[in-house]
PDB file of N, CA and C in Angstrom:
ATOM      1  N   UNK A   1       0.852  -1.178   0.000  1.00  0.00           N
ATOM      2  CA  UNK A   1       0.000   0.000   0.000  1.00  0.00           C
ATOM      3  C   UNK A   1       0.895   1.238   0.000  1.00  0.00           C
ATOM      4  N   UNK A   2       0.658   2.131  -0.928  1.00  0.00           N
ATOM      5  CA  UNK A   2       1.453   3.345  -1.103  1.00  0.00           C
ATOM      6  C   UNK A   2       0.958   4.423  -0.137  1.00  0.00           C
ATOM      7  N   UNK A   3       1.874   5.229   0.401  1.00  0.00           N
ATOM      8  CA  UNK A   3       1.514   6.314   1.311  1.00  0.00           C
ATOM      9  C   UNK A   3       2.003   7.625   0.705  1.00  0.00           C
ATOM     10  N   UNK A   4       1.145   8.654   0.745  1.00  0.00           N
ATOM     11  CA  UNK A   4       1.509   9.981   0.238  1.00  0.00           C
ATOM     12  C   UNK A   4       0.913  11.042   1.159  1.00  0.00           C
ATOM     13  N   UNK A   5       1.460  12.243   1.127  1.00  0.00           N
ATOM     14  CA  UNK A   5       0.875  13.310   1.947  1.00  0.00           C
ATOM     15  C   UNK A   5      -0.125  14.118   1.131  1.00  0.00           C
ATOM     16  N   UNK A   6      -0.880  14.950   1.809  1.00  0.00           N
ATOM     17  CA  UNK A   6      -1.976  15.686   1.161  1.00  0.00           C
ATOM     18  C   UNK A   6      -1.472  16.588   0.038  1.00  0.00           C
ATOM     19  N   UNK A   7      -0.382  17.306   0.257  1.00  0.00           N
ATOM     20  CA  UNK A   7       0.089  18.229  -0.786  1.00  0.00           C
ATOM     21  C   UNK A   7       0.519  17.467  -2.036  1.00  0.00           C
ATOM     22  N   UNK A   8       1.176  16.322  -1.866  1.00  0.00           N
ATOM     23  CA  UNK A   8       1.539  15.508  -3.035  1.00  0.00           C
ATOM     24  C   UNK A   8       0.287  14.943  -3.707  1.00  0.00           C
ATOM     25  N   UNK A   9      -0.694  14.547  -2.909  1.00  0.00           N
ATOM     26  CA  UNK A   9      -1.933  13.999  -3.470  1.00  0.00           C
ATOM     27  C   UNK A   9      -2.668  15.059  -4.293  1.00  0.00           C
ATOM     28  N   UNK A  10      -2.702  16.301  -3.788  1.00  0.00           N
ATOM     29  CA  UNK A  10      -3.350  17.379  -4.536  1.00  0.00           C
ATOM     30  C   UNK A  10      -2.639  17.629  -5.860  1.00  0.00           C
ATOM     31  N   UNK A  11      -1.334  17.584  -5.840  1.00  0.00           N
ATOM     32  CA  UNK A  11      -0.553  17.887  -7.033  1.00  0.00           C
ATOM     33  C   UNK A  11      -0.621  16.768  -8.072  1.00  0.00           C
ATOM     34  N   UNK A  12      -0.851  15.533  -7.628  1.00  0.00           N
ATOM     35  CA  UNK A  12      -0.808  14.412  -8.576  1.00  0.00           C
ATOM     36  C   UNK A  12      -2.032  13.504  -8.457  1.00  0.00           C
ATOM     37  N   UNK A  13      -3.192  14.087  -8.210  1.00  0.00           N
ATOM     38  CA  UNK A  13      -4.404  13.291  -8.010  1.00  0.00           C
ATOM     39  C   UNK A  13      -4.731  12.430  -9.227  1.00  0.00           C
ATOM     40  N   UNK A  14      -4.638  12.991 -10.414  1.00  0.00           N
ATOM     41  CA  UNK A  14      -4.939  12.208 -11.625  1.00  0.00           C
ATOM     42  C   UNK A  14      -4.027  10.992 -11.725  1.00  0.00           C
ATOM     43  N   UNK A  15      -2.757  11.190 -11.450  1.00  0.00           N
ATOM     44  CA  UNK A  15      -1.798  10.084 -11.508  1.00  0.00           C
ATOM     45  C   UNK A  15      -2.119   9.033 -10.430  1.00  0.00           C
ATOM     46  N   UNK A  16      -2.464   9.485  -9.233  1.00  0.00           N
ATOM     47  CA  UNK A  16      -2.803   8.543  -8.158  1.00  0.00           C
ATOM     48  C   UNK A  16      -4.045   7.729  -8.506  1.00  0.00           C
ATOM     49  N   UNK A  17      -5.035   8.381  -9.084  1.00  0.00           N
ATOM     50  CA  UNK A  17      -6.258   7.663  -9.482  1.00  0.00           C
ATOM     51  C   UNK A  17      -5.934   6.623 -10.542  1.00  0.00           C
ATOM     52  N   UNK A  18      -5.117   6.993 -11.527  1.00  0.00           N
ATOM     53  CA  UNK A  18      -4.734   6.045 -12.570  1.00  0.00           C
ATOM     54  C   UNK A  18      -3.987   4.852 -11.965  1.00  0.00           C
ATOM     55  N   UNK A  19      -3.094   5.118 -11.017  1.00  0.00           N
ATOM     56  CA  UNK A  19      -2.349   4.048 -10.350  1.00  0.00           C
ATOM     57  C   UNK A  19      -3.275   3.106  -9.608  1.00  0.00           C
ATOM     58  N   UNK A  20      -4.246   3.668  -8.894  1.00  0.00           N
ATOM     59  CA  UNK A  20      -5.208   2.855  -8.140  1.00  0.00           C
ATOM     60  C   UNK A  20      -6.019   1.983  -9.089  1.00  0.00           C
ATOM     61  N   UNK A  21      -6.446   2.548 -10.212  1.00  0.00           N
ATOM     62  CA  UNK A  21      -7.229   1.782 -11.181  1.00  0.00           C
ATOM     63  C   UNK A  21      -6.416   0.645 -11.790  1.00  0.00           C
ATOM     64  N   UNK A  22      -5.170   0.910 -12.106  1.00  0.00           N
ATOM     65  CA  UNK A  22      -4.329  -0.092 -12.768  1.00  0.00           C
ATOM     66  C   UNK A  22      -3.850  -1.186 -11.834  1.00  0.00           C
ATOM     67  N   UNK A  23      -3.505  -0.824 -10.599  1.00  0.00           N
ATOM     68  CA  UNK A  23      -2.931  -1.805  -9.670  1.00  0.00           C
ATOM     69  C   UNK A  23      -3.965  -2.398  -8.728  1.00  0.00           C
ATOM     70  N   UNK A  24      -5.108  -1.731  -8.594  1.00  0.00           N
ATOM     71  CA  UNK A  24      -6.164  -2.141  -7.673  1.00  0.00           C
ATOM     72  C   UNK A  24      -5.687  -2.144  -6.222  1.00  0.00           C
ATOM     73  N   UNK A  25      -4.625  -1.365  -5.938  1.00  0.00           N
ATOM     74  CA  UNK A  25      -4.125  -1.208  -4.575  1.00  0.00           C
ATOM     75  C   UNK A  25      -4.502   0.167  -4.059  1.00  0.00           C
ATOM     76  N   UNK A  26      -4.829   0.237  -2.783  1.00  0.00           N
ATOM     77  CA  UNK A  26      -5.215   1.504  -2.170  1.00  0.00           C
ATOM     78  C   UNK A  26      -3.993   2.368  -1.893  1.00  0.00           C
ATOM     79  N   UNK A  27      -4.247   3.669  -1.789  1.00  0.00           N
ATOM     80  CA  UNK A  27      -3.201   4.628  -1.436  1.00  0.00           C
ATOM     81  C   UNK A  27      -3.653   5.362  -0.189  1.00  0.00           C
ATOM     82  N   UNK A  28      -2.769   5.401   0.811  1.00  0.00           N
ATOM     83  CA  UNK A  28      -3.081   6.110   2.055  1.00  0.00           C
ATOM     84  C   UNK A  28      -2.620   7.551   1.907  1.00  0.00           C
ATOM     85  N   UNK A  29      -3.495   8.496   2.271  1.00  0.00           N
ATOM     86  CA  UNK A  29      -3.156   9.912   2.245  1.00  0.00           C
ATOM     87  C   UNK A  29      -2.999  10.359   3.687  1.00  0.00           C
ATOM     88  N   UNK A  30      -1.863  10.989   3.977  1.00  0.00           N
ATOM     89  CA  UNK A  30      -1.580  11.381   5.348  1.00  0.00           C
ATOM     90  C   UNK A  30      -1.418  12.877   5.505  1.00  0.00           C
ATOM     91  N   UNK A  31      -1.546  13.318   6.754  1.00  0.00           N
ATOM     92  CA  UNK A  31      -1.346  14.719   7.102  1.00  0.00           C
ATOM     93  C   UNK A  31      -0.505  14.737   8.375  1.00  0.00           C
ATOM     94  N   UNK A  32       0.597  15.438   8.321  1.00  0.00           N
ATOM     95  CA  UNK A  32       1.519  15.517   9.457  1.00  0.00           C
ATOM     96  C   UNK A  32       1.959  14.127   9.908  1.00  0.00           C
ATOM     97  N   UNK A  33       2.151  13.245   8.939  1.00  0.00           N
ATOM     98  CA  UNK A  33       2.646  11.913   9.256  1.00  0.00           C
ATOM     99  C   UNK A  33       1.607  10.931   9.753  1.00  0.00           C
ATOM    100  N   UNK A  34       0.332  11.349   9.813  1.00  0.00           N
ATOM    101  CA  UNK A  34      -0.735  10.461  10.280  1.00  0.00           C
ATOM    102  C   UNK A  34      -1.719  10.183   9.145  1.00  0.00           C
ATOM    103  N   UNK A  35      -2.136   8.933   8.972  1.00  0.00           N
ATOM    104  CA  UNK A  35      -3.112   8.614   7.921  1.00  0.00           C
ATOM    105  C   UNK A  35      -4.460   9.302   8.185  1.00  0.00           C
ATOM    106  N   UNK A  36      -5.029   9.893   7.126  1.00  0.00           N
ATOM    107  CA  UNK A  36      -6.335  10.551   7.265  1.00  0.00           C
ATOM    108  C   UNK A  36      -7.363  10.050   6.256  1.00  0.00           C
ATOM    109  N   UNK A  37      -6.898   9.438   5.171  1.00  0.00           N
ATOM    110  CA  UNK A  37      -7.843   8.974   4.144  1.00  0.00           C
ATOM    111  C   UNK A  37      -7.209   7.846   3.335  1.00  0.00           C
ATOM    112  N   UNK A  38      -8.075   7.110   2.660  1.00  0.00           N
ATOM    113  CA  UNK A  38      -7.617   6.048   1.767  1.00  0.00           C
ATOM    114  C   UNK A  38      -8.249   6.273   0.397  1.00  0.00           C
ATOM    115  N   UNK A  39      -7.426   6.249  -0.633  1.00  0.00           N
ATOM    116  CA  UNK A  39      -7.898   6.330  -2.013  1.00  0.00           C
ATOM    117  C   UNK A  39      -7.882   4.907  -2.552  1.00  0.00           C
ATOM    118  N   UNK A  40      -9.061   4.406  -2.903  1.00  0.00           N
ATOM    119  CA  UNK A  40      -9.136   3.027  -3.393  1.00  0.00           C
ATOM    120  C   UNK A  40     -10.035   2.965  -4.617  1.00  0.00           C
ATOM    121  N   UNK A  41      -9.888   1.889  -5.388  1.00  0.00           N
ATOM    122  CA  UNK A  41     -10.660   1.704  -6.609  1.00  0.00           C
ATOM    123  C   UNK A  41     -12.119   1.411  -6.266  1.00  0.00           C
ATOM    124  N   UNK A  42     -13.012   1.933  -7.087  1.00  0.00           N
ATOM    125  CA  UNK A  42     -14.449   1.681  -6.922  1.00  0.00           C
ATOM    126  C   UNK A  42     -14.778   0.335  -7.539  1.00  0.00           C
ATOM    127  N   UNK A  43     -15.483  -0.474  -6.789  1.00  0.00           N
ATOM    128  CA  UNK A  43     -15.899  -1.778  -7.294  1.00  0.00           C
ATOM    129  C   UNK A  43     -17.413  -1.794  -7.412  1.00  0.00           C
ATOM    130  N   UNK A  44     -17.891  -1.857  -8.648  1.00  0.00           N
ATOM    131  CA  UNK A  44     -19.332  -1.843  -8.895  1.00  0.00           C
ATOM    132  C   UNK A  44     -19.955  -3.180  -8.495  1.00  0.00           C
ATOM    133  N   UNK A  45     -21.076  -3.109  -7.811  1.00  0.00           N
ATOM    134  CA  UNK A  45     -21.795  -4.318  -7.408  1.00  0.00           C
ATOM    135  C   UNK A  45     -22.597  -4.827  -8.599  1.00  0.00           C
ATOM    136  N   UNK A  46     -22.196  -5.966  -9.137  1.00  0.00           N
ATOM    137  CA  UNK A  46     -22.866  -6.516 -10.311  1.00  0.00           C
ATOM    138  C   UNK A  46     -23.793  -7.672  -9.958  1.00  0.00           C
ATOM    139  N   UNK A  47     -23.953  -7.940  -8.669  1.00  0.00           N
ATOM    140  CA  UNK A  47     -24.839  -9.036  -8.287  1.00  0.00           C
ATOM    141  C   UNK A  47     -26.285  -8.648  -8.579  1.00  0.00           C
ATOM    142  N   UNK A  48     -27.121  -9.619  -8.946  1.00  0.00           N
ATOM    143  CA  UNK A  48     -28.519  -9.297  -9.247  1.00  0.00           C
ATOM    144  C   UNK A  48     -29.250  -8.794  -8.003  1.00  0.00           C
ATOM    145  N   UNK A  49     -30.118  -7.852  -8.227  1.00  0.00           N
ATOM    146  CA  UNK A  49     -30.875  -7.250  -7.138  1.00  0.00           C
ATOM    147  C   UNK A  49     -31.929  -8.230  -6.639  1.00  0.00           C
ATOM    148  N   UNK A  50     -31.988  -8.372  -5.318  1.00  0.00           N
ATOM    149  CA  UNK A  50     -32.991  -9.254  -4.735  1.00  0.00           C
ATOM    150  C   UNK A  50     -34.228  -8.437  -4.386  1.00  0.00           C
ATOM    151  N   UNK A  51     -35.350  -8.873  -4.884  1.00  0.00           N
ATOM    152  CA  UNK A  51     -36.606  -8.192  -4.597  1.00  0.00           C
ATOM    153  C   UNK A  51     -37.321  -8.928  -3.468  1.00  0.00           C
ATOM    154  N   UNK A  52     -38.209  -8.255  -2.833  1.00  0.00           N
ATOM    155  CA  UNK A  52     -38.981  -8.927  -1.783  1.00  0.00           C
ATOM    156  C   UNK A  52     -39.173  -8.009  -0.600  1.00  0.00           C
ATOM    157  N   UNK A  53     -38.517  -8.325   0.461  1.00  0.00           N
ATOM    158  CA  UNK A  53     -38.667  -7.556   1.679  1.00  0.00           C
ATOM    159  C   UNK A  53     -39.566  -8.297   2.649  1.00  0.00           C
ATOM    160  N   UNK A  54     -40.032  -7.595   3.666  1.00  0.00           N
ATOM    161  CA  UNK A  54     -40.805  -8.250   4.720  1.00  0.00           C
ATOM    162  C   UNK A  54     -42.182  -8.703   4.254  1.00  0.00           C
ATOM    163  N   UNK A  55     -42.698  -8.149   3.145  1.00  0.00           N
ATOM    164  CA  UNK A  55     -44.023  -8.545   2.646  1.00  0.00           C
ATOM    165  C   UNK A  55     -43.936  -9.652   1.596  1.00  0.00           C
ATOM    166  N   UNK A  56     -42.720 -10.086   1.254  1.00  0.00           N
ATOM    167  CA  UNK A  56     -42.555 -11.098   0.224  1.00  0.00           C
ATOM    168  C   UNK A  56     -43.313 -12.377   0.567  1.00  0.00           C
ATOM    169  N   UNK A  57     -44.171 -12.806  -0.350  1.00  0.00           N
ATOM    170  CA  UNK A  57     -44.949 -14.023  -0.162  1.00  0.00           C
ATOM    171  C   UNK A  57     -46.193 -13.857   0.690  1.00  0.00           C
ATOM    172  N   UNK A  58     -46.427 -12.663   1.232  1.00  0.00           N
ATOM    173  CA  UNK A  58     -47.577 -12.442   2.111  1.00  0.00           C
ATOM    174  C   UNK A  58     -48.719 -11.714   1.413  1.00  0.00           C
ATOM    175  N   UNK A  59     -48.428 -11.106   0.266  1.00  0.00           N
ATOM    176  CA  UNK A  59     -49.428 -10.320  -0.439  1.00  0.00           C
ATOM    177  C   UNK A  59     -49.641 -10.926  -1.818  1.00  0.00           C
ATOM    178  N   UNK A  60     -50.901 -11.064  -2.198  1.00  0.00           N
ATOM    179  CA  UNK A  60     -51.227 -11.561  -3.536  1.00  0.00           C
ATOM    180  C   UNK A  60     -52.091 -10.529  -4.236  1.00  0.00           C
ATOM    181  N   UNK A  61     -51.834 -10.342  -5.527  1.00  0.00           N
ATOM    182  CA  UNK A  61     -52.608  -9.397  -6.300  1.00  0.00           C
ATOM    183  C   UNK A  61     -53.751 -10.149  -6.979  1.00  0.00           C
ATOM    184  N   UNK A  62     -54.926  -9.576  -6.909  1.00  0.00           N
ATOM    185  CA  UNK A  62     -56.102 -10.200  -7.511  1.00  0.00           C
ATOM    186  C   UNK A  62     -55.923 -10.312  -9.023  1.00  0.00           C
ATOM    187  N   UNK A  63     -56.468 -11.349  -9.590  1.00  0.00           N
ATOM    188  CA  UNK A  63     -56.363 -11.572 -11.036  1.00  0.00           C
ATOM    189  C   UNK A  63     -56.995 -10.425 -11.825  1.00  0.00           C
ATOM    190  N   UNK A  64     -58.039  -9.814 -11.277  1.00  0.00           N
ATOM    191  CA  UNK A  64     -58.749  -8.746 -11.994  1.00  0.00           C
ATOM    192  C   UNK A  64     -58.275  -7.349 -11.577  1.00  0.00           C
ATOM    193  N   UNK A  65     -57.078  -7.236 -11.018  1.00  0.00           N
ATOM    194  CA  UNK A  65     -56.572  -5.962 -10.507  1.00  0.00           C
ATOM    195  C   UNK A  65     -56.600  -4.859 -11.569  1.00  0.00           C
ATOM    196  N   UNK A  66     -56.195  -5.173 -12.772  1.00  0.00           N
ATOM    197  CA  UNK A  66     -56.118  -4.168 -13.838  1.00  0.00           C
ATOM    198  C   UNK A  66     -57.387  -4.052 -14.666  1.00  0.00           C
ATOM    199  N   UNK A  67     -58.398  -4.836 -14.379  1.00  0.00           N
ATOM    200  CA  UNK A  67     -59.647  -4.759 -15.136  1.00  0.00           C
ATOM    201  C   UNK A  67     -60.328  -3.417 -14.888  1.00  0.00           C
ATOM    202  N   UNK A  68     -60.963  -2.899 -15.924  1.00  0.00           N
ATOM    203  CA  UNK A  68     -61.632  -1.607 -15.842  1.00  0.00           C
ATOM    204  C   UNK A  68     -63.080  -1.815 -15.399  1.00  0.00           C
ATOM    205  N   UNK A  69     -63.477  -1.059 -14.384  1.00  0.00           N
ATOM    206  CA  UNK A  69     -64.865  -1.096 -13.912  1.00  0.00           C
ATOM    207  C   UNK A  69     -65.579   0.103 -14.535  1.00  0.00           C
ATOM    208  N   UNK A  70     -66.423  -0.166 -15.530  1.00  0.00           N
ATOM    209  CA  UNK A  70     -67.107   0.898 -16.273  1.00  0.00           C
ATOM    210  C   UNK A  70     -67.977   1.765 -15.365  1.00  0.00           C
ATOM    211  N   UNK A  71     -68.590   1.207 -14.347  1.00  0.00           N
ATOM    212  CA  UNK A  71     -69.459   1.978 -13.434  1.00  0.00           C
ATOM    213  C   UNK A  71     -68.640   3.031 -12.687  1.00  0.00           C
ATOM    214  N   UNK A  72     -67.448   2.661 -12.234  1.00  0.00           N
ATOM    215  CA  UNK A  72     -66.602   3.621 -11.517  1.00  0.00           C
ATOM    216  C   UNK A  72     -66.158   4.734 -12.459  1.00  0.00           C
ATOM    217  N   UNK A  73     -65.765   4.388 -13.682  1.00  0.00           N
ATOM    218  CA  UNK A  73     -65.365   5.408 -14.654  1.00  0.00           C
ATOM    219  C   UNK A  73     -66.530   6.345 -14.955  1.00  0.00           C
ATOM    220  N   UNK A  74     -67.703   5.810 -15.122  1.00  0.00           N
ATOM    221  CA  UNK A  74     -68.892   6.622 -15.389  1.00  0.00           C
ATOM    222  C   UNK A  74     -69.183   7.554 -14.211  1.00  0.00           C
ATOM    223  N   UNK A  75     -69.056   7.035 -12.992  1.00  0.00           N
ATOM    224  CA  UNK A  75     -69.295   7.865 -11.803  1.00  0.00           C
ATOM    225  C   UNK A  75     -68.299   9.029 -11.732  1.00  0.00           C
ATOM    226  N   UNK A  76     -67.054   8.789 -12.053  1.00  0.00           N
ATOM    227  CA  UNK A  76     -66.053   9.856 -12.004  1.00  0.00           C
ATOM    228  C   UNK A  76     -66.258  10.885 -13.105  1.00  0.00           C
ATOM    229  N   UNK A  77     -66.605  10.431 -14.296  1.00  0.00           N
ATOM    230  CA  UNK A  77     -66.665  11.345 -15.419  1.00  0.00           C
ATOM    231  C   UNK A  77     -67.993  12.062 -15.547  1.00  0.00           C
ATOM    232  N   UNK A  78     -69.066  11.489 -15.044  1.00  0.00           N
ATOM    233  CA  UNK A  78     -70.385  12.065 -15.277  1.00  0.00           C
ATOM    234  C   UNK A  78     -71.102  12.506 -14.005  1.00  0.00           C
ATOM    235  N   UNK A  79     -70.341  12.729 -12.952  1.00  0.00           N
ATOM    236  CA  UNK A  79     -70.935  13.202 -11.696  1.00  0.00           C
ATOM    237  C   UNK A  79     -70.299  14.533 -11.363  1.00  0.00           C
ATOM    238  N   UNK A  80     -71.111  15.479 -10.895  1.00  0.00           N
ATOM    239  CA  UNK A  80     -70.552  16.780 -10.543  1.00  0.00           C
ATOM    240  C   UNK A  80     -69.817  16.681  -9.205  1.00  0.00           C
ATOM    241  N   UNK A  81     -68.814  17.518  -9.053  1.00  0.00           N
ATOM    242  CA  UNK A  81     -68.041  17.516  -7.798  1.00  0.00           C
ATOM    243  C   UNK A  81     -68.888  17.993  -6.643  1.00  0.00           C
ATOM    244  N   UNK A  82     -69.663  19.030  -6.891  1.00  0.00           N
ATOM    245  CA  UNK A  82     -70.555  19.566  -5.864  1.00  0.00           C
ATOM    246  C   UNK A  82     -71.993  19.343  -6.291  1.00  0.00           C
ATOM    247  N   UNK A  83     -72.583  18.234  -5.874  1.00  0.00           N
ATOM    248  CA  UNK A  83     -73.952  17.926  -6.315  1.00  0.00           C
ATOM    249  C   UNK A  83     -74.937  19.007  -5.838  1.00  0.00           C
ATOM    250  N   UNK A  84     -76.010  19.151  -6.599  1.00  0.00           N
ATOM    251  CA  UNK A  84     -77.051  20.114  -6.225  1.00  0.00           C
ATOM    252  C   UNK A  84     -77.671  19.706  -4.914  1.00  0.00           C
ATOM    253  N   UNK A  85     -78.074  20.714  -4.151  1.00  0.00           N
ATOM    254  CA  UNK A  85     -78.709  20.433  -2.847  1.00  0.00           C
ATOM    255  C   UNK A  85     -80.176  20.263  -2.996  1.00  0.00           C
TER     256      UNK A  85
END
């Protein structure tokens, strides 16, 4: 693992990033001789996303969920918002 100080890291950040990408080794950045940060390569998570959660297997959708109810559509479209008194 390579160690560098902050001023060197600022001056050569592009080079440090390229080194990290090529070698896949982290670089420690220090201040006053003490480590303060680590520059490491980003590893993208390519595993498939798991769906579910706490409701998985507990909820079922009705077969007619997407069916259109003509009476409800008629009520919405042909009824006034404020009916006459």
